[in-house]
Amino acid sequence: MGPSGSGKTVIGARLAALHGALFIDADDLHPAASIAKMAAGIPLDDDDRMPWLDDVGRALRERGEVVVACSALARRYRDRIRAQAPDAVFVELEVTPDELARRMAEREHFMPPALLASQLSTLEPLAADEAGVRISAAGAIDDVAADASAALADQSLR
């Protein structure tokens, strides 16, 4: 989880590969109308997000061993996912706003850099009572994925 440009897709895919899990990019679950809205620079609202988050939760629940890359920026969004998949565990990818802006400017994606401020204002970091870990996503992809895997393993020992 994290804002656009945090590395959810590349880190999630690598983490899934490390664990022999299926990888799903939640962006692929958005309806066409939501993608068009974001591409036009219009942030989604909760009416747009909630059915999508239900789909994300169902994918987690129904697909077995799976890693889903999903922004899940606010607690209420993570709660909505957990309503469908109570065992969901989140990996929050932490990246500075300047680095996020740089990454977004260098890639082609339907999410324009102009929506970064909206994403950052929505972001609610994982709370202590939420299943998950927070890790820096500033390093190399393999290192970040390995850090995420180790942090998840450490958490499961508690």
N, C-alpha and C. Protein backbone atom coordinates (compact mmCIF):
# COMPACT_ATOMS: atom_id res chain seq x y z
N MET A 1 0.83 -1.18 0.00
CA MET A 1 0.00 0.00 0.00
C MET A 1 0.87 1.24 0.00
N GLY A 2 0.32 2.32 -0.52
CA GLY A 2 1.02 3.59 -0.56
C GLY A 2 0.52 4.42 -1.72
N PRO A 3 0.94 5.66 -1.77
CA PRO A 3 0.50 6.53 -2.87
C PRO A 3 1.11 6.11 -4.20
N SER A 4 0.57 6.68 -5.25
CA SER A 4 1.09 6.43 -6.58
C SER A 4 2.57 6.79 -6.61
N GLY A 5 3.36 5.93 -7.23
CA GLY A 5 4.79 6.16 -7.32
C GLY A 5 5.59 5.55 -6.19
N SER A 6 4.93 4.92 -5.22
CA SER A 6 5.66 4.35 -4.08
C SER A 6 6.32 3.02 -4.41
N GLY A 7 5.94 2.42 -5.53
CA GLY A 7 6.56 1.15 -5.92
C GLY A 7 5.68 -0.06 -5.68
N LYS A 8 4.40 0.15 -5.46
CA LYS A 8 3.51 -0.96 -5.12
C LYS A 8 3.56 -2.09 -6.15
N THR A 9 3.54 -1.72 -7.42
CA THR A 9 3.48 -2.74 -8.46
C THR A 9 4.79 -3.53 -8.56
N VAL A 10 5.91 -2.84 -8.64
CA VAL A 10 7.17 -3.56 -8.80
C VAL A 10 7.55 -4.32 -7.53
N ILE A 11 7.35 -3.71 -6.37
CA ILE A 11 7.69 -4.39 -5.11
C ILE A 11 6.70 -5.53 -4.86
N GLY A 12 5.42 -5.28 -5.12
CA GLY A 12 4.42 -6.33 -4.93
C GLY A 12 4.69 -7.54 -5.81
N ALA A 13 5.02 -7.28 -7.08
CA ALA A 13 5.32 -8.40 -7.99
C ALA A 13 6.54 -9.17 -7.52
N ARG A 14 7.56 -8.46 -7.06
CA ARG A 14 8.77 -9.13 -6.58
C ARG A 14 8.48 -9.91 -5.30
N LEU A 15 7.69 -9.34 -4.39
CA LEU A 15 7.33 -10.02 -3.16
C LEU A 15 6.52 -11.29 -3.46
N ALA A 16 5.59 -11.19 -4.40
CA ALA A 16 4.81 -12.37 -4.80
C ALA A 16 5.74 -13.45 -5.35
N ALA A 17 6.69 -13.07 -6.18
CA ALA A 17 7.63 -14.03 -6.76
C ALA A 17 8.46 -14.70 -5.66
N LEU A 18 8.89 -13.93 -4.67
CA LEU A 18 9.67 -14.50 -3.56
C LEU A 18 8.89 -15.58 -2.81
N HIS A 19 7.58 -15.43 -2.76
CA HIS A 19 6.74 -16.34 -1.98
C HIS A 19 5.95 -17.31 -2.84
N GLY A 20 6.18 -17.30 -4.13
CA GLY A 20 5.43 -18.20 -5.01
C GLY A 20 3.94 -17.89 -5.02
N ALA A 21 3.60 -16.63 -4.84
CA ALA A 21 2.20 -16.20 -4.77
C ALA A 21 1.77 -15.56 -6.08
N LEU A 22 0.48 -15.50 -6.27
CA LEU A 22 -0.12 -14.79 -7.39
C LEU A 22 0.02 -13.29 -7.14
N PHE A 23 0.30 -12.51 -8.17
CA PHE A 23 0.34 -11.05 -8.04
C PHE A 23 -0.83 -10.44 -8.80
N ILE A 24 -1.51 -9.51 -8.14
CA ILE A 24 -2.59 -8.75 -8.76
C ILE A 24 -2.34 -7.27 -8.52
N ASP A 25 -2.40 -6.48 -9.57
CA ASP A 25 -2.33 -5.04 -9.44
C ASP A 25 -3.77 -4.55 -9.34
N ALA A 26 -4.13 -3.95 -8.21
CA ALA A 26 -5.51 -3.48 -8.01
C ALA A 26 -5.92 -2.45 -9.05
N ASP A 27 -4.96 -1.77 -9.67
CA ASP A 27 -5.31 -0.85 -10.76
C ASP A 27 -6.08 -1.58 -11.86
N ASP A 28 -5.78 -2.87 -12.06
CA ASP A 28 -6.45 -3.65 -13.09
C ASP A 28 -7.90 -3.97 -12.72
N LEU A 29 -8.26 -3.75 -11.47
CA LEU A 29 -9.62 -4.01 -11.01
C LEU A 29 -10.51 -2.77 -11.09
N HIS A 30 -9.92 -1.60 -11.38
CA HIS A 30 -10.72 -0.38 -11.50
C HIS A 30 -11.64 -0.46 -12.71
N PRO A 31 -12.87 0.01 -12.58
CA PRO A 31 -13.71 0.12 -13.78
C PRO A 31 -13.18 1.22 -14.70
N ALA A 32 -13.51 1.12 -15.96
CA ALA A 32 -13.02 2.08 -16.96
C ALA A 32 -13.37 3.52 -16.59
N ALA A 33 -14.53 3.74 -16.00
CA ALA A 33 -14.94 5.10 -15.63
C ALA A 33 -14.01 5.70 -14.59
N SER A 34 -13.54 4.91 -13.66
CA SER A 34 -12.61 5.41 -12.64
C SER A 34 -11.26 5.74 -13.25
N ILE A 35 -10.78 4.90 -14.14
CA ILE A 35 -9.50 5.16 -14.80
C ILE A 35 -9.59 6.44 -15.62
N ALA A 36 -10.70 6.63 -16.32
CA ALA A 36 -10.88 7.85 -17.12
C ALA A 36 -10.92 9.08 -16.21
N LYS A 37 -11.56 8.95 -15.08
CA LYS A 37 -11.65 10.07 -14.14
C LYS A 37 -10.26 10.47 -13.64
N MET A 38 -9.47 9.48 -13.23
CA MET A 38 -8.12 9.77 -12.75
C MET A 38 -7.24 10.33 -13.87
N ALA A 39 -7.35 9.75 -15.05
CA ALA A 39 -6.55 10.22 -16.18
C ALA A 39 -6.86 11.67 -16.51
N ALA A 40 -8.09 12.11 -16.21
CA ALA A 40 -8.48 13.49 -16.44
C ALA A 40 -8.05 14.40 -15.30
N GLY A 41 -7.38 13.83 -14.29
CA GLY A 41 -6.89 14.64 -13.17
C GLY A 41 -7.91 14.83 -12.07
N ILE A 42 -8.96 14.02 -12.07
CA ILE A 42 -10.01 14.12 -11.06
C ILE A 42 -9.83 12.99 -10.05
N PRO A 43 -9.62 13.34 -8.77
CA PRO A 43 -9.47 12.29 -7.76
C PRO A 43 -10.75 11.48 -7.61
N LEU A 44 -10.60 10.21 -7.32
CA LEU A 44 -11.76 9.38 -7.02
C LEU A 44 -12.34 9.80 -5.68
N ASP A 45 -13.65 9.60 -5.52
CA ASP A 45 -14.26 9.81 -4.21
C ASP A 45 -14.65 8.44 -3.65
N ASP A 46 -15.17 8.43 -2.45
CA ASP A 46 -15.48 7.15 -1.81
C ASP A 46 -16.55 6.36 -2.57
N ASP A 47 -17.46 7.03 -3.25
CA ASP A 47 -18.45 6.32 -4.06
C ASP A 47 -17.77 5.54 -5.19
N ASP A 48 -16.67 6.09 -5.71
CA ASP A 48 -15.90 5.38 -6.74
C ASP A 48 -15.10 4.24 -6.13
N ARG A 49 -14.53 4.48 -4.96
CA ARG A 49 -13.57 3.55 -4.38
C ARG A 49 -14.18 2.32 -3.73
N MET A 50 -15.30 2.48 -3.04
CA MET A 50 -15.80 1.39 -2.20
C MET A 50 -16.10 0.11 -2.98
N PRO A 51 -16.79 0.15 -4.13
CA PRO A 51 -16.98 -1.11 -4.87
C PRO A 51 -15.65 -1.72 -5.33
N TRP A 52 -14.71 -0.86 -5.71
CA TRP A 52 -13.38 -1.32 -6.13
C TRP A 52 -12.68 -2.00 -4.96
N LEU A 53 -12.74 -1.39 -3.77
CA LEU A 53 -12.10 -1.99 -2.60
C LEU A 53 -12.74 -3.32 -2.23
N ASP A 54 -14.05 -3.44 -2.44
CA ASP A 54 -14.71 -4.74 -2.24
C ASP A 54 -14.12 -5.78 -3.18
N ASP A 55 -13.89 -5.39 -4.43
CA ASP A 55 -13.27 -6.31 -5.41
C ASP A 55 -11.86 -6.70 -4.97
N VAL A 56 -11.11 -5.73 -4.45
CA VAL A 56 -9.75 -6.01 -3.95
C VAL A 56 -9.82 -7.03 -2.81
N GLY A 57 -10.72 -6.80 -1.87
CA GLY A 57 -10.87 -7.72 -0.74
C GLY A 57 -11.27 -9.11 -1.19
N ARG A 58 -12.19 -9.19 -2.14
CA ARG A 58 -12.60 -10.50 -2.66
C ARG A 58 -11.43 -11.21 -3.34
N ALA A 59 -10.63 -10.46 -4.09
CA ALA A 59 -9.45 -11.06 -4.74
C ALA A 59 -8.51 -11.64 -3.70
N LEU A 60 -8.31 -10.93 -2.60
CA LEU A 60 -7.45 -11.45 -1.53
C LEU A 60 -8.04 -12.70 -0.90
N ARG A 61 -9.33 -12.68 -0.69
CA ARG A 61 -9.99 -13.81 -0.02
C ARG A 61 -10.09 -15.04 -0.91
N GLU A 62 -10.35 -14.84 -2.19
CA GLU A 62 -10.71 -15.96 -3.06
C GLU A 62 -9.55 -16.54 -3.86
N ARG A 63 -8.43 -15.87 -3.91
CA ARG A 63 -7.37 -16.30 -4.82
C ARG A 63 -6.25 -17.09 -4.15
N GLY A 64 -6.40 -17.44 -2.88
CA GLY A 64 -5.34 -18.20 -2.21
C GLY A 64 -4.17 -17.32 -1.84
N GLU A 65 -2.97 -17.83 -2.05
CA GLU A 65 -1.75 -17.07 -1.75
C GLU A 65 -1.60 -15.97 -2.79
N VAL A 66 -1.80 -14.73 -2.37
CA VAL A 66 -1.84 -13.61 -3.32
C VAL A 66 -1.26 -12.35 -2.68
N VAL A 67 -0.59 -11.57 -3.52
CA VAL A 67 -0.11 -10.24 -3.15
C VAL A 67 -0.84 -9.27 -4.07
N VAL A 68 -1.50 -8.28 -3.48
CA VAL A 68 -2.23 -7.28 -4.25
C VAL A 68 -1.59 -5.92 -4.01
N ALA A 69 -1.23 -5.25 -5.09
CA ALA A 69 -0.74 -3.88 -5.01
C ALA A 69 -1.96 -2.96 -5.03
N CYS A 70 -2.18 -2.25 -3.93
CA CYS A 70 -3.36 -1.39 -3.80
C CYS A 70 -2.98 -0.19 -2.96
N SER A 71 -3.45 0.98 -3.34
CA SER A 71 -3.09 2.19 -2.59
C SER A 71 -3.56 2.10 -1.14
N ALA A 72 -4.80 1.75 -0.89
CA ALA A 72 -5.34 1.57 0.47
C ALA A 72 -4.87 2.70 1.40
N LEU A 73 -5.00 3.93 0.94
CA LEU A 73 -4.40 5.07 1.62
C LEU A 73 -5.00 5.39 2.98
N ALA A 74 -6.28 5.20 3.14
CA ALA A 74 -6.95 5.58 4.38
C ALA A 74 -7.37 4.34 5.17
N ARG A 75 -7.45 4.50 6.47
CA ARG A 75 -7.85 3.40 7.35
C ARG A 75 -9.20 2.84 6.91
N ARG A 76 -10.15 3.72 6.56
CA ARG A 76 -11.47 3.21 6.17
C ARG A 76 -11.38 2.35 4.91
N TYR A 77 -10.40 2.60 4.04
CA TYR A 77 -10.23 1.77 2.84
C TYR A 77 -9.66 0.41 3.22
N ARG A 78 -8.71 0.41 4.13
CA ARG A 78 -8.14 -0.86 4.58
C ARG A 78 -9.20 -1.66 5.34
N ASP A 79 -10.02 -0.97 6.13
CA ASP A 79 -11.12 -1.65 6.83
C ASP A 79 -12.09 -2.28 5.83
N ARG A 80 -12.34 -1.58 4.74
CA ARG A 80 -13.26 -2.10 3.71
C ARG A 80 -12.67 -3.36 3.08
N ILE A 81 -11.37 -3.37 2.83
CA ILE A 81 -10.71 -4.57 2.30
C ILE A 81 -10.79 -5.69 3.32
N ARG A 82 -10.50 -5.37 4.59
CA ARG A 82 -10.54 -6.41 5.64
C ARG A 82 -11.94 -6.96 5.86
N ALA A 83 -12.99 -6.20 5.53
CA ALA A 83 -14.36 -6.71 5.64
C ALA A 83 -14.55 -7.92 4.71
N GLN A 84 -13.86 -7.91 3.59
CA GLN A 84 -13.90 -9.03 2.64
C GLN A 84 -12.81 -10.07 2.92
N ALA A 85 -11.67 -9.60 3.42
CA ALA A 85 -10.50 -10.47 3.64
C ALA A 85 -9.92 -10.16 5.02
N PRO A 86 -10.52 -10.72 6.08
CA PRO A 86 -10.12 -10.37 7.45
C PRO A 86 -8.65 -10.68 7.77
N ASP A 87 -8.03 -11.58 7.05
CA ASP A 87 -6.64 -11.95 7.32
C ASP A 87 -5.64 -11.11 6.51
N ALA A 88 -6.12 -10.09 5.82
CA ALA A 88 -5.22 -9.26 5.01
C ALA A 88 -4.16 -8.60 5.89
N VAL A 89 -2.94 -8.59 5.39
CA VAL A 89 -1.81 -7.95 6.05
C VAL A 89 -1.25 -6.93 5.06
N PHE A 90 -0.97 -5.73 5.53
CA PHE A 90 -0.55 -4.64 4.66
C PHE A 90 0.94 -4.36 4.80
N VAL A 91 1.57 -4.02 3.69
CA VAL A 91 2.95 -3.54 3.67
C VAL A 91 2.87 -2.10 3.17
N GLU A 92 3.13 -1.15 4.07
CA GLU A 92 3.12 0.26 3.67
C GLU A 92 4.50 0.65 3.17
N LEU A 93 4.55 1.12 1.94
CA LEU A 93 5.81 1.55 1.33
C LEU A 93 5.98 3.04 1.57
N GLU A 94 7.01 3.38 2.31
CA GLU A 94 7.27 4.78 2.65
C GLU A 94 8.27 5.39 1.67
N VAL A 95 7.88 6.52 1.08
CA VAL A 95 8.72 7.23 0.13
C VAL A 95 8.47 8.72 0.37
N THR A 96 9.52 9.53 0.29
CA THR A 96 9.35 10.97 0.50
C THR A 96 8.49 11.58 -0.61
N PRO A 97 7.78 12.66 -0.31
CA PRO A 97 6.98 13.32 -1.36
C PRO A 97 7.81 13.75 -2.57
N ASP A 98 9.02 14.24 -2.35
CA ASP A 98 9.86 14.64 -3.48
C ASP A 98 10.20 13.46 -4.38
N GLU A 99 10.51 12.32 -3.76
CA GLU A 99 10.82 11.13 -4.55
C GLU A 99 9.59 10.62 -5.28
N LEU A 100 8.43 10.66 -4.64
CA LEU A 100 7.20 10.26 -5.31
C LEU A 100 6.96 11.12 -6.55
N ALA A 101 7.12 12.42 -6.40
CA ALA A 101 6.91 13.34 -7.53
C ALA A 101 7.90 13.03 -8.66
N ARG A 102 9.15 12.76 -8.31
CA ARG A 102 10.15 12.44 -9.33
C ARG A 102 9.76 11.16 -10.07
N ARG A 103 9.38 10.14 -9.31
CA ARG A 103 9.01 8.86 -9.93
C ARG A 103 7.80 9.02 -10.84
N MET A 104 6.80 9.76 -10.37
CA MET A 104 5.58 9.92 -11.17
C MET A 104 5.86 10.69 -12.45
N ALA A 105 6.76 11.65 -12.39
CA ALA A 105 7.09 12.44 -13.58
C ALA A 105 7.83 11.62 -14.62
N GLU A 106 8.48 10.54 -14.20
CA GLU A 106 9.32 9.74 -15.11
C GLU A 106 8.61 8.52 -15.69
N ARG A 107 7.34 8.35 -15.40
CA ARG A 107 6.68 7.14 -15.89
C ARG A 107 5.40 7.47 -16.64
N GLU A 108 4.94 6.50 -17.41
CA GLU A 108 3.65 6.63 -18.08
C GLU A 108 2.64 5.81 -17.30
N HIS A 109 1.57 6.49 -16.87
CA HIS A 109 0.55 5.86 -16.05
C HIS A 109 -0.69 6.72 -16.14
N PHE A 110 -1.86 6.13 -15.92
CA PHE A 110 -3.08 6.94 -15.99
C PHE A 110 -3.19 7.93 -14.84
N MET A 111 -2.42 7.73 -13.77
CA MET A 111 -2.46 8.63 -12.62
C MET A 111 -1.48 9.79 -12.86
N PRO A 112 -1.99 11.00 -13.11
CA PRO A 112 -1.08 12.12 -13.38
C PRO A 112 -0.42 12.64 -12.10
N PRO A 113 0.78 13.19 -12.22
CA PRO A 113 1.46 13.74 -11.05
C PRO A 113 0.64 14.79 -10.30
N ALA A 114 -0.29 15.44 -10.99
CA ALA A 114 -1.12 16.47 -10.35
C ALA A 114 -1.97 15.91 -9.22
N LEU A 115 -2.21 14.59 -9.21
CA LEU A 115 -3.04 14.00 -8.15
C LEU A 115 -2.22 13.56 -6.94
N LEU A 116 -0.91 13.76 -6.97
CA LEU A 116 -0.08 13.34 -5.83
C LEU A 116 -0.48 14.05 -4.54
N ALA A 117 -0.72 15.35 -4.61
CA ALA A 117 -1.10 16.10 -3.40
C ALA A 117 -2.37 15.53 -2.80
N SER A 118 -3.33 15.17 -3.64
CA SER A 118 -4.58 14.58 -3.17
C SER A 118 -4.31 13.24 -2.46
N GLN A 119 -3.42 12.45 -3.04
CA GLN A 119 -3.09 11.16 -2.44
C GLN A 119 -2.41 11.35 -1.08
N LEU A 120 -1.48 12.29 -1.02
CA LEU A 120 -0.76 12.51 0.24
C LEU A 120 -1.67 13.06 1.32
N SER A 121 -2.67 13.85 0.94
CA SER A 121 -3.59 14.38 1.95
C SER A 121 -4.54 13.30 2.45
N THR A 122 -4.75 12.27 1.66
CA THR A 122 -5.61 11.15 2.05
C THR A 122 -4.86 10.11 2.88
N LEU A 123 -3.55 10.03 2.69
CA LEU A 123 -2.74 8.98 3.32
C LEU A 123 -2.84 9.00 4.84
N GLU A 124 -3.23 7.87 5.39
CA GLU A 124 -3.22 7.61 6.83
C GLU A 124 -2.30 6.42 7.04
N PRO A 125 -1.12 6.64 7.61
CA PRO A 125 -0.20 5.53 7.82
C PRO A 125 -0.85 4.40 8.62
N LEU A 126 -0.33 3.20 8.45
CA LEU A 126 -0.82 2.07 9.23
C LEU A 126 -0.80 2.41 10.71
N ALA A 127 -1.86 2.08 11.39
CA ALA A 127 -1.93 2.29 12.83
C ALA A 127 -1.36 1.06 13.55
N ALA A 128 -0.99 1.24 14.80
CA ALA A 128 -0.38 0.16 15.57
C ALA A 128 -1.29 -1.06 15.69
N ASP A 129 -2.60 -0.86 15.62
CA ASP A 129 -3.52 -1.99 15.77
C ASP A 129 -3.88 -2.65 14.43
N GLU A 130 -3.25 -2.23 13.35
CA GLU A 130 -3.51 -2.84 12.05
C GLU A 130 -2.44 -3.88 11.72
N ALA A 131 -2.86 -4.99 11.16
CA ALA A 131 -1.92 -6.03 10.75
C ALA A 131 -1.12 -5.51 9.56
N GLY A 132 0.18 -5.36 9.77
CA GLY A 132 1.01 -4.90 8.67
C GLY A 132 2.33 -4.33 9.15
N VAL A 133 3.12 -3.91 8.19
CA VAL A 133 4.45 -3.37 8.46
C VAL A 133 4.66 -2.14 7.59
N ARG A 134 5.53 -1.25 8.06
CA ARG A 134 5.92 -0.07 7.31
C ARG A 134 7.40 -0.22 6.98
N ILE A 135 7.72 -0.04 5.70
CA ILE A 135 9.12 -0.15 5.30
C ILE A 135 9.48 0.96 4.33
N SER A 136 10.73 1.31 4.30
CA SER A 136 11.22 2.29 3.34
C SER A 136 11.29 1.64 1.96
N ALA A 137 10.79 2.37 0.97
CA ALA A 137 10.86 1.88 -0.41
C ALA A 137 11.85 2.71 -1.22
N ALA A 138 12.89 3.20 -0.53
CA ALA A 138 13.87 4.07 -1.19
C ALA A 138 15.01 3.28 -1.83
N GLY A 139 15.15 2.01 -1.53
CA GLY A 139 16.28 1.24 -2.05
C GLY A 139 15.97 0.53 -3.35
N ALA A 140 16.87 -0.38 -3.69
CA ALA A 140 16.71 -1.20 -4.89
C ALA A 140 15.51 -2.13 -4.72
N ILE A 141 14.86 -2.46 -5.82
CA ILE A 141 13.64 -3.27 -5.79
C ILE A 141 13.85 -4.57 -5.02
N ASP A 142 14.91 -5.30 -5.33
CA ASP A 142 15.16 -6.57 -4.65
C ASP A 142 15.36 -6.38 -3.15
N ASP A 143 16.05 -5.31 -2.77
CA ASP A 143 16.29 -5.04 -1.35
C ASP A 143 15.00 -4.69 -0.63
N VAL A 144 14.17 -3.86 -1.25
CA VAL A 144 12.90 -3.48 -0.62
C VAL A 144 11.99 -4.70 -0.48
N ALA A 145 11.92 -5.53 -1.51
CA ALA A 145 11.10 -6.74 -1.43
C ALA A 145 11.62 -7.68 -0.34
N ALA A 146 12.93 -7.81 -0.24
CA ALA A 146 13.52 -8.66 0.81
C ALA A 146 13.22 -8.08 2.19
N ASP A 147 13.30 -6.74 2.33
CA ASP A 147 12.97 -6.10 3.60
C ASP A 147 11.50 -6.34 3.96
N ALA A 148 10.62 -6.24 2.97
CA ALA A 148 9.20 -6.48 3.22
C ALA A 148 8.96 -7.92 3.65
N SER A 149 9.61 -8.85 2.98
CA SER A 149 9.45 -10.27 3.32
C SER A 149 9.94 -10.54 4.75
N ALA A 150 11.08 -9.97 5.08
CA ALA A 150 11.65 -10.16 6.44
C ALA A 150 10.75 -9.53 7.49
N ALA A 151 10.24 -8.34 7.22
CA ALA A 151 9.37 -7.66 8.18
C ALA A 151 8.07 -8.43 8.38
N LEU A 152 7.53 -8.98 7.31
CA LEU A 152 6.31 -9.79 7.44
C LEU A 152 6.58 -11.06 8.24
N ALA A 153 7.72 -11.70 7.99
CA ALA A 153 8.07 -12.90 8.73
C ALA A 153 8.26 -12.58 10.20
N ASP A 154 8.92 -11.47 10.51
CA ASP A 154 9.13 -11.04 11.88
C ASP A 154 7.80 -10.78 12.57
N GLN A 155 6.88 -10.13 11.86
CA GLN A 155 5.58 -9.83 12.45
C GLN A 155 4.81 -11.10 12.78
N SER A 156 4.93 -12.11 11.92
CA SER A 156 4.18 -13.35 12.14
C SER A 156 4.70 -14.13 13.35
N LEU A 157 5.91 -13.80 13.79
CA LEU A 157 6.48 -14.47 14.96
C LEU A 157 5.95 -13.89 16.27
N ARG A 158 5.32 -12.75 16.21
CA ARG A 158 4.81 -12.09 17.43
C ARG A 158 3.51 -12.66 17.87
